[in-house]
N, C-alpha and C. Protein backbone atom coordinates (compact mmCIF):
# COMPACT_ATOMS: atom_id res chain seq x y z
N UNK A 1 10.05 5.88 -12.91
CA UNK A 1 10.61 6.75 -11.91
C UNK A 1 11.98 6.24 -11.51
N UNK A 2 12.91 7.15 -11.27
CA UNK A 2 14.24 6.74 -10.86
C UNK A 2 14.54 7.28 -9.47
N UNK A 3 15.58 6.75 -8.83
CA UNK A 3 15.95 7.17 -7.49
C UNK A 3 15.45 6.17 -6.47
N UNK A 4 16.23 5.96 -5.43
CA UNK A 4 15.88 4.99 -4.38
C UNK A 4 14.60 5.39 -3.66
N UNK A 5 13.77 4.39 -3.39
CA UNK A 5 12.52 4.62 -2.66
C UNK A 5 12.43 3.62 -1.52
N UNK A 6 11.68 3.98 -0.49
CA UNK A 6 11.54 3.13 0.68
C UNK A 6 10.07 2.97 1.03
N UNK A 7 9.81 1.96 1.83
CA UNK A 7 8.45 1.73 2.30
C UNK A 7 8.45 0.67 3.37
N UNK A 8 7.26 0.34 3.82
CA UNK A 8 7.14 -0.69 4.85
C UNK A 8 5.72 -0.79 5.36
N UNK A 9 5.58 -1.63 6.36
CA UNK A 9 4.26 -1.89 6.93
C UNK A 9 3.87 -0.82 7.94
N UNK A 10 2.65 -0.90 8.43
CA UNK A 10 2.18 0.13 9.34
C UNK A 10 2.78 0.03 10.74
N UNK A 11 3.23 -1.15 11.17
CA UNK A 11 3.81 -1.26 12.51
C UNK A 11 5.32 -1.05 12.51
N UNK A 12 5.97 -1.07 11.34
CA UNK A 12 7.40 -0.84 11.26
C UNK A 12 8.24 -2.11 11.34
N UNK A 13 7.62 -3.26 11.50
CA UNK A 13 8.38 -4.51 11.59
C UNK A 13 9.07 -4.85 10.28
N UNK A 14 8.47 -4.48 9.14
CA UNK A 14 9.06 -4.75 7.83
C UNK A 14 9.33 -3.41 7.14
N UNK A 15 10.58 -3.23 6.70
CA UNK A 15 10.96 -2.05 5.93
C UNK A 15 11.69 -2.54 4.68
N UNK A 16 11.50 -1.85 3.57
CA UNK A 16 12.17 -2.24 2.33
C UNK A 16 12.67 -1.03 1.58
N UNK A 17 13.53 -1.30 0.61
CA UNK A 17 14.08 -0.28 -0.27
C UNK A 17 14.04 -0.83 -1.69
N UNK A 18 13.84 0.04 -2.65
CA UNK A 18 13.94 -0.32 -4.06
C UNK A 18 14.83 0.71 -4.73
N UNK A 19 15.62 0.25 -5.69
CA UNK A 19 16.51 1.16 -6.41
C UNK A 19 15.72 2.17 -7.23
N UNK A 20 14.61 1.72 -7.82
CA UNK A 20 13.76 2.61 -8.60
C UNK A 20 12.40 1.96 -8.80
N UNK A 21 11.47 2.76 -9.24
CA UNK A 21 10.12 2.27 -9.51
C UNK A 21 9.83 2.27 -11.00
N UNK A 22 8.98 1.36 -11.41
CA UNK A 22 8.55 1.28 -12.79
C UNK A 22 7.11 1.73 -12.93
N UNK A 23 6.36 1.00 -13.73
CA UNK A 23 4.98 1.35 -14.04
C UNK A 23 4.06 1.07 -12.85
N UNK A 24 3.25 2.04 -12.52
CA UNK A 24 2.25 1.90 -11.45
C UNK A 24 0.90 1.62 -12.06
N UNK A 25 0.18 0.67 -11.47
CA UNK A 25 -1.11 0.28 -12.03
C UNK A 25 -2.13 0.01 -10.94
N UNK A 26 -3.36 -0.09 -11.37
CA UNK A 26 -4.46 -0.49 -10.51
C UNK A 26 -4.99 -1.80 -11.07
N UNK A 27 -4.97 -2.85 -10.25
CA UNK A 27 -5.48 -4.15 -10.69
C UNK A 27 -6.87 -4.37 -10.11
N UNK A 28 -7.80 -4.69 -10.97
CA UNK A 28 -9.19 -4.90 -10.55
C UNK A 28 -9.54 -6.36 -10.33
N UNK A 29 -8.58 -7.28 -10.44
CA UNK A 29 -8.92 -8.70 -10.29
C UNK A 29 -9.45 -8.99 -8.88
N UNK A 30 -10.23 -10.02 -8.79
CA UNK A 30 -10.86 -10.38 -7.50
C UNK A 30 -9.82 -10.74 -6.46
N UNK A 31 -8.70 -11.37 -6.87
CA UNK A 31 -7.66 -11.71 -5.89
C UNK A 31 -7.05 -10.44 -5.28
N UNK A 32 -6.81 -9.41 -6.08
CA UNK A 32 -6.28 -8.16 -5.54
C UNK A 32 -7.31 -7.48 -4.63
N UNK A 33 -8.58 -7.52 -5.01
CA UNK A 33 -9.62 -6.94 -4.15
C UNK A 33 -9.57 -7.58 -2.76
N UNK A 34 -9.47 -8.89 -2.73
CA UNK A 34 -9.45 -9.59 -1.44
C UNK A 34 -8.13 -9.39 -0.70
N UNK A 35 -7.02 -9.43 -1.43
CA UNK A 35 -5.70 -9.28 -0.79
C UNK A 35 -5.55 -7.91 -0.13
N UNK A 36 -6.09 -6.87 -0.77
CA UNK A 36 -5.99 -5.52 -0.24
C UNK A 36 -7.18 -5.15 0.65
N UNK A 37 -8.24 -5.97 0.61
CA UNK A 37 -9.44 -5.63 1.36
C UNK A 37 -10.05 -4.34 0.83
N UNK A 38 -9.91 -4.11 -0.47
CA UNK A 38 -10.37 -2.86 -1.07
C UNK A 38 -11.01 -3.10 -2.42
N UNK A 39 -11.27 -2.03 -3.13
CA UNK A 39 -11.95 -2.10 -4.41
C UNK A 39 -11.02 -2.53 -5.54
N UNK A 40 -9.70 -2.39 -5.33
CA UNK A 40 -8.69 -2.76 -6.32
C UNK A 40 -7.34 -2.85 -5.62
N UNK A 41 -6.34 -3.31 -6.36
CA UNK A 41 -4.99 -3.40 -5.84
C UNK A 41 -4.08 -2.42 -6.53
N UNK A 42 -3.60 -1.39 -5.83
CA UNK A 42 -2.65 -0.44 -6.42
C UNK A 42 -1.22 -0.95 -6.26
N UNK A 43 -0.54 -1.21 -7.37
CA UNK A 43 0.80 -1.81 -7.36
C UNK A 43 1.75 -1.05 -8.27
N UNK A 44 3.03 -1.11 -7.93
CA UNK A 44 4.06 -0.51 -8.77
C UNK A 44 5.26 -1.45 -8.80
N UNK A 45 5.90 -1.56 -9.96
CA UNK A 45 7.09 -2.37 -10.08
C UNK A 45 8.22 -1.73 -9.28
N UNK A 46 8.93 -2.56 -8.49
CA UNK A 46 10.02 -2.08 -7.64
C UNK A 46 11.31 -2.77 -8.07
N UNK A 47 12.12 -2.07 -8.85
CA UNK A 47 13.39 -2.63 -9.33
C UNK A 47 14.42 -2.60 -8.21
N UNK A 48 15.18 -3.68 -8.09
CA UNK A 48 16.20 -3.75 -7.04
C UNK A 48 15.59 -3.80 -5.65
N UNK A 49 14.48 -4.50 -5.51
CA UNK A 49 13.76 -4.60 -4.24
C UNK A 49 14.57 -5.40 -3.22
N UNK A 50 14.65 -4.88 -1.99
CA UNK A 50 15.32 -5.61 -0.90
C UNK A 50 14.66 -5.27 0.43
N UNK A 51 14.36 -6.29 1.21
CA UNK A 51 13.86 -6.08 2.57
C UNK A 51 15.05 -5.68 3.42
N UNK A 52 14.91 -4.57 4.15
CA UNK A 52 16.00 -4.08 4.99
C UNK A 52 15.78 -4.37 6.47
N UNK A 53 14.55 -4.60 6.87
CA UNK A 53 14.26 -4.94 8.27
C UNK A 53 13.09 -5.89 8.30
N UNK A 54 13.18 -6.88 9.15
CA UNK A 54 12.10 -7.83 9.31
C UNK A 54 12.08 -8.86 8.21
N UNK A 55 10.96 -9.53 8.11
CA UNK A 55 10.81 -10.60 7.12
C UNK A 55 9.38 -10.60 6.60
N UNK A 56 9.25 -10.75 5.30
CA UNK A 56 7.92 -10.84 4.71
C UNK A 56 7.29 -12.20 5.02
N UNK A 57 6.06 -12.18 5.48
CA UNK A 57 5.26 -13.41 5.50
C UNK A 57 4.65 -13.49 4.12
N UNK A 58 4.36 -14.68 3.64
CA UNK A 58 3.82 -14.80 2.29
C UNK A 58 2.61 -15.72 2.25
N UNK A 59 1.79 -15.47 1.25
CA UNK A 59 0.64 -16.31 0.97
C UNK A 59 0.64 -16.61 -0.53
N UNK A 60 0.58 -17.87 -0.88
CA UNK A 60 0.54 -18.28 -2.29
C UNK A 60 -0.92 -18.13 -2.75
N UNK A 61 -1.27 -16.97 -3.32
CA UNK A 61 -2.66 -16.69 -3.66
C UNK A 61 -3.12 -17.40 -4.93
N UNK A 62 -2.19 -17.89 -5.70
CA UNK A 62 -2.51 -18.68 -6.90
C UNK A 62 -1.31 -19.54 -7.24
N UNK A 63 -1.43 -20.31 -8.30
CA UNK A 63 -0.28 -21.12 -8.71
C UNK A 63 0.86 -20.27 -9.26
N UNK A 64 0.61 -18.99 -9.53
CA UNK A 64 1.61 -18.11 -10.13
C UNK A 64 2.08 -16.99 -9.22
N UNK A 65 1.30 -16.64 -8.19
CA UNK A 65 1.58 -15.43 -7.41
C UNK A 65 1.70 -15.73 -5.92
N UNK A 66 2.75 -15.13 -5.32
CA UNK A 66 2.94 -15.16 -3.88
C UNK A 66 2.85 -13.71 -3.39
N UNK A 67 2.00 -13.47 -2.42
CA UNK A 67 1.80 -12.12 -1.89
C UNK A 67 2.49 -11.99 -0.54
N UNK A 68 3.25 -10.91 -0.38
CA UNK A 68 3.97 -10.67 0.86
C UNK A 68 3.23 -9.67 1.73
N UNK A 69 3.31 -9.90 3.04
CA UNK A 69 2.65 -9.02 4.00
C UNK A 69 3.41 -9.07 5.31
N UNK A 70 3.08 -8.16 6.22
CA UNK A 70 3.69 -8.17 7.54
C UNK A 70 2.89 -9.12 8.42
N UNK A 71 3.57 -10.07 9.04
CA UNK A 71 2.87 -11.04 9.89
C UNK A 71 2.42 -10.40 11.20
N UNK A 72 3.00 -9.27 11.58
CA UNK A 72 2.62 -8.61 12.83
C UNK A 72 1.37 -7.74 12.69
N UNK A 73 1.28 -6.97 11.60
CA UNK A 73 0.15 -6.05 11.46
C UNK A 73 -0.74 -6.33 10.26
N UNK A 74 -0.31 -7.21 9.36
CA UNK A 74 -1.13 -7.60 8.22
C UNK A 74 -1.08 -6.71 7.01
N UNK A 75 -0.24 -5.69 7.02
CA UNK A 75 -0.17 -4.78 5.88
C UNK A 75 0.22 -5.53 4.61
N UNK A 76 -0.57 -5.43 3.52
CA UNK A 76 -0.16 -6.01 2.23
C UNK A 76 1.04 -5.24 1.69
N UNK A 77 2.09 -5.95 1.26
CA UNK A 77 3.30 -5.28 0.83
C UNK A 77 3.76 -5.62 -0.58
N UNK A 78 3.74 -6.89 -0.95
CA UNK A 78 4.34 -7.26 -2.24
C UNK A 78 3.46 -8.21 -3.04
N UNK A 79 3.75 -8.24 -4.33
CA UNK A 79 3.11 -9.12 -5.30
C UNK A 79 4.25 -9.71 -6.11
N UNK A 80 4.51 -10.99 -5.91
CA UNK A 80 5.64 -11.65 -6.55
C UNK A 80 5.13 -12.72 -7.51
N UNK A 81 5.30 -12.47 -8.81
CA UNK A 81 4.84 -13.41 -9.84
C UNK A 81 6.02 -14.10 -10.51
N UNK A 82 7.23 -13.88 -9.97
CA UNK A 82 8.42 -14.48 -10.54
C UNK A 82 9.22 -13.54 -11.41
N UNK A 83 8.68 -12.38 -11.73
CA UNK A 83 9.40 -11.35 -12.48
C UNK A 83 9.86 -10.28 -11.51
N UNK A 84 9.90 -9.04 -11.97
CA UNK A 84 10.25 -7.94 -11.08
C UNK A 84 9.19 -7.81 -9.99
N UNK A 85 9.64 -7.59 -8.76
CA UNK A 85 8.73 -7.46 -7.63
C UNK A 85 7.81 -6.26 -7.82
N UNK A 86 6.57 -6.43 -7.40
CA UNK A 86 5.61 -5.32 -7.36
C UNK A 86 5.36 -5.02 -5.88
N UNK A 87 5.18 -3.74 -5.54
CA UNK A 87 4.88 -3.37 -4.16
C UNK A 87 3.58 -2.58 -4.11
N UNK A 88 2.92 -2.65 -2.97
CA UNK A 88 1.69 -1.90 -2.75
C UNK A 88 2.02 -0.41 -2.68
N UNK A 89 1.36 0.37 -3.51
CA UNK A 89 1.65 1.81 -3.57
C UNK A 89 1.41 2.48 -2.22
N UNK A 90 0.36 2.09 -1.52
CA UNK A 90 0.06 2.72 -0.23
C UNK A 90 1.08 2.43 0.85
N UNK A 91 1.93 1.41 0.67
CA UNK A 91 2.96 1.08 1.66
C UNK A 91 4.27 1.82 1.40
N UNK A 92 4.36 2.55 0.30
CA UNK A 92 5.54 3.38 0.05
C UNK A 92 5.56 4.54 1.05
N UNK A 93 6.74 4.99 1.44
CA UNK A 93 6.82 6.15 2.32
C UNK A 93 6.24 7.39 1.64
N UNK A 94 6.37 7.47 0.34
CA UNK A 94 5.80 8.57 -0.44
C UNK A 94 4.96 8.01 -1.58
N UNK A 95 3.70 7.65 -1.30
CA UNK A 95 2.86 7.08 -2.36
C UNK A 95 2.63 8.03 -3.53
N UNK A 96 2.83 9.32 -3.33
CA UNK A 96 2.67 10.30 -4.42
C UNK A 96 3.66 10.05 -5.55
N UNK A 97 4.75 9.34 -5.27
CA UNK A 97 5.76 9.11 -6.31
C UNK A 97 5.36 7.98 -7.25
N UNK A 98 4.20 7.38 -7.04
CA UNK A 98 3.80 6.24 -7.87
C UNK A 98 2.35 6.38 -8.32
N UNK A 99 2.06 7.45 -8.99
CA UNK A 99 0.70 7.66 -9.51
C UNK A 99 0.39 6.61 -10.57
N UNK A 100 -0.71 5.88 -10.43
CA UNK A 100 -1.06 4.86 -11.43
C UNK A 100 -1.22 5.46 -12.83
N UNK A 101 -0.73 4.71 -13.81
CA UNK A 101 -0.83 5.13 -15.21
C UNK A 101 -1.63 4.15 -16.04
N UNK A 102 -2.09 3.05 -15.40
CA UNK A 102 -2.74 1.98 -16.14
C UNK A 102 -3.66 1.20 -15.21
N UNK A 103 -4.80 0.74 -15.76
CA UNK A 103 -5.69 -0.17 -15.05
C UNK A 103 -5.65 -1.52 -15.76
N UNK A 104 -5.73 -2.60 -14.98
CA UNK A 104 -5.70 -3.94 -15.57
C UNK A 104 -6.83 -4.80 -15.01
N UNK A 105 -7.16 -5.84 -15.73
CA UNK A 105 -8.19 -6.81 -15.37
C UNK A 105 -9.58 -6.19 -15.19
N UNK A 106 -10.09 -5.57 -16.24
CA UNK A 106 -11.39 -4.89 -16.17
C UNK A 106 -12.57 -5.82 -15.95
N UNK A 107 -12.45 -7.09 -16.24
CA UNK A 107 -13.59 -8.01 -16.09
C UNK A 107 -14.10 -8.09 -14.66
N UNK A 108 -13.20 -7.90 -13.68
CA UNK A 108 -13.60 -7.96 -12.27
C UNK A 108 -13.83 -6.59 -11.64
N UNK A 109 -13.69 -5.54 -12.41
CA UNK A 109 -13.86 -4.19 -11.87
C UNK A 109 -15.26 -4.03 -11.29
N UNK A 110 -15.33 -3.52 -10.08
CA UNK A 110 -16.62 -3.31 -9.43
C UNK A 110 -17.39 -2.20 -10.13
N UNK A 111 -18.68 -2.36 -10.24
CA UNK A 111 -19.51 -1.46 -11.05
C UNK A 111 -19.49 -0.01 -10.57
N UNK A 112 -19.22 0.23 -9.30
CA UNK A 112 -19.31 1.59 -8.76
C UNK A 112 -17.98 2.33 -8.73
N UNK A 113 -16.88 1.69 -9.10
CA UNK A 113 -15.56 2.30 -8.97
C UNK A 113 -15.44 3.60 -9.76
N UNK A 114 -15.95 3.65 -10.99
CA UNK A 114 -15.81 4.86 -11.80
C UNK A 114 -16.52 6.06 -11.19
N UNK A 115 -17.50 5.84 -10.36
CA UNK A 115 -18.23 6.95 -9.75
C UNK A 115 -17.68 7.44 -8.43
N UNK A 116 -16.64 6.81 -7.90
CA UNK A 116 -16.14 7.18 -6.58
C UNK A 116 -15.70 8.64 -6.48
N UNK A 117 -15.05 9.16 -7.51
CA UNK A 117 -14.58 10.55 -7.48
C UNK A 117 -15.72 11.55 -7.46
N UNK A 118 -16.91 11.10 -7.79
CA UNK A 118 -18.06 12.01 -7.85
C UNK A 118 -18.93 11.95 -6.59
N UNK A 119 -18.55 11.11 -5.63
CA UNK A 119 -19.31 11.04 -4.38
C UNK A 119 -19.18 12.35 -3.62
N UNK A 120 -20.21 12.74 -2.91
CA UNK A 120 -20.12 13.99 -2.14
C UNK A 120 -19.17 13.81 -0.95
N UNK A 121 -18.62 14.92 -0.49
CA UNK A 121 -17.80 14.93 0.71
C UNK A 121 -18.70 15.08 1.92
N UNK A 122 -18.20 14.76 3.10
CA UNK A 122 -18.94 14.90 4.35
C UNK A 122 -19.46 16.33 4.46
N UNK A 123 -20.68 16.50 4.93
CA UNK A 123 -21.24 17.86 5.06
C UNK A 123 -20.37 18.73 5.98
N UNK A 124 -20.22 19.98 5.60
CA UNK A 124 -19.39 20.94 6.34
C UNK A 124 -19.83 21.02 7.81
N UNK A 125 -21.12 20.93 8.06
CA UNK A 125 -21.61 21.06 9.44
C UNK A 125 -21.16 19.92 10.35
N UNK A 126 -20.65 18.84 9.79
CA UNK A 126 -20.14 17.73 10.60
C UNK A 126 -18.64 17.83 10.85
N UNK A 127 -17.96 18.73 10.19
CA UNK A 127 -16.50 18.80 10.25
C UNK A 127 -15.96 19.11 11.64
N UNK A 128 -16.60 20.00 12.40
CA UNK A 128 -16.09 20.35 13.73
C UNK A 128 -16.10 19.13 14.65
N UNK A 129 -17.16 18.36 14.62
CA UNK A 129 -17.25 17.15 15.45
C UNK A 129 -16.21 16.12 15.02
N UNK A 130 -16.05 15.95 13.73
CA UNK A 130 -15.08 14.99 13.22
C UNK A 130 -13.66 15.45 13.57
N UNK A 131 -13.36 16.73 13.42
CA UNK A 131 -12.04 17.27 13.74
C UNK A 131 -11.74 17.07 15.22
N UNK A 132 -12.73 17.28 16.09
CA UNK A 132 -12.53 17.08 17.53
C UNK A 132 -12.16 15.62 17.81
N UNK A 133 -12.83 14.69 17.15
CA UNK A 133 -12.51 13.27 17.31
C UNK A 133 -11.10 12.98 16.77
N UNK A 134 -10.80 13.45 15.58
CA UNK A 134 -9.50 13.19 14.97
C UNK A 134 -8.35 13.75 15.81
N UNK A 135 -8.57 14.86 16.48
CA UNK A 135 -7.54 15.47 17.33
C UNK A 135 -7.21 14.61 18.54
N UNK A 136 -8.06 13.64 18.88
CA UNK A 136 -7.79 12.77 20.03
C UNK A 136 -7.08 11.47 19.65
N UNK A 137 -6.88 11.25 18.36
CA UNK A 137 -6.26 10.01 17.90
C UNK A 137 -4.75 10.09 18.05
N UNK A 138 -4.18 9.05 18.64
CA UNK A 138 -2.73 8.89 18.72
C UNK A 138 -2.37 7.69 17.86
N UNK A 139 -1.64 7.93 16.80
CA UNK A 139 -1.31 6.88 15.84
C UNK A 139 -0.28 5.91 16.40
N UNK A 140 -0.51 4.62 16.16
CA UNK A 140 0.47 3.59 16.48
C UNK A 140 1.25 3.17 15.25
N UNK A 141 1.01 3.84 14.13
CA UNK A 141 1.68 3.48 12.90
C UNK A 141 3.11 4.00 12.88
N UNK A 142 3.98 3.22 12.24
CA UNK A 142 5.37 3.62 12.06
C UNK A 142 5.40 4.84 11.15
N UNK A 143 6.23 5.81 11.46
CA UNK A 143 6.29 7.00 10.58
C UNK A 143 6.82 6.67 9.20
N UNK A 144 6.40 7.42 8.22
CA UNK A 144 6.87 7.26 6.84
C UNK A 144 8.22 7.93 6.69
N UNK A 145 9.27 7.21 7.06
CA UNK A 145 10.62 7.77 6.93
C UNK A 145 11.61 6.63 6.92
N UNK A 146 12.52 6.63 5.95
CA UNK A 146 13.47 5.52 5.86
C UNK A 146 14.40 5.41 7.06
N UNK A 147 14.73 6.50 7.70
CA UNK A 147 15.67 6.46 8.82
C UNK A 147 14.98 6.17 10.14
N UNK A 148 13.67 6.14 10.15
CA UNK A 148 12.94 5.92 11.41
C UNK A 148 13.23 4.53 11.92
N UNK A 149 13.69 4.45 13.16
CA UNK A 149 14.02 3.16 13.74
C UNK A 149 13.27 2.92 15.02
N UNK A 150 12.31 3.76 15.31
CA UNK A 150 11.57 3.64 16.55
C UNK A 150 10.66 2.43 16.57
N UNK A 151 9.93 2.31 17.64
CA UNK A 151 9.04 1.17 17.81
C UNK A 151 7.60 1.56 17.58
N UNK A 152 6.75 0.57 17.72
CA UNK A 152 5.32 0.84 17.61
C UNK A 152 4.97 1.90 18.66
N UNK A 153 3.99 2.69 18.36
CA UNK A 153 3.54 3.70 19.30
C UNK A 153 4.02 5.09 18.96
N UNK A 154 4.93 5.22 18.00
CA UNK A 154 5.38 6.55 17.62
C UNK A 154 4.29 7.24 16.82
N UNK A 155 4.12 8.50 17.06
CA UNK A 155 3.14 9.28 16.29
C UNK A 155 3.66 9.48 14.89
N UNK A 156 2.74 9.55 13.93
CA UNK A 156 3.18 9.81 12.56
C UNK A 156 2.96 11.23 12.20
């Protein structure tokens, strides 16, 4: 993918820009599962990566990899192995621009991952109650916009 892209953490303390994106992948290794607190780690190569606001906190997750995150809100942001920086796809302002094209490290893939797309959706009869609850939520997350300079507490 070409063209400048932006992203950052959920509280807005860390914002970054990349000149362009490369290959997007899903990593199934156990370290990515733990680092993301999820079933896998969705990452994309970010060419010309630069932090524009704040500072990345880092954790040396192995002898080869340093993972960057926001020290204020904990959002996983980067995967630095000494080559081109990788960024968490979900932290991009537009994650749709980085659809994964490859899966890696199948040995650690959780047995149920392939079936996730086939799980049923919440029953229709529960939707009104859920919608009523969702309508009361006020987001404290930073909006997905490169020019946004507001503080925590802005609605997204």
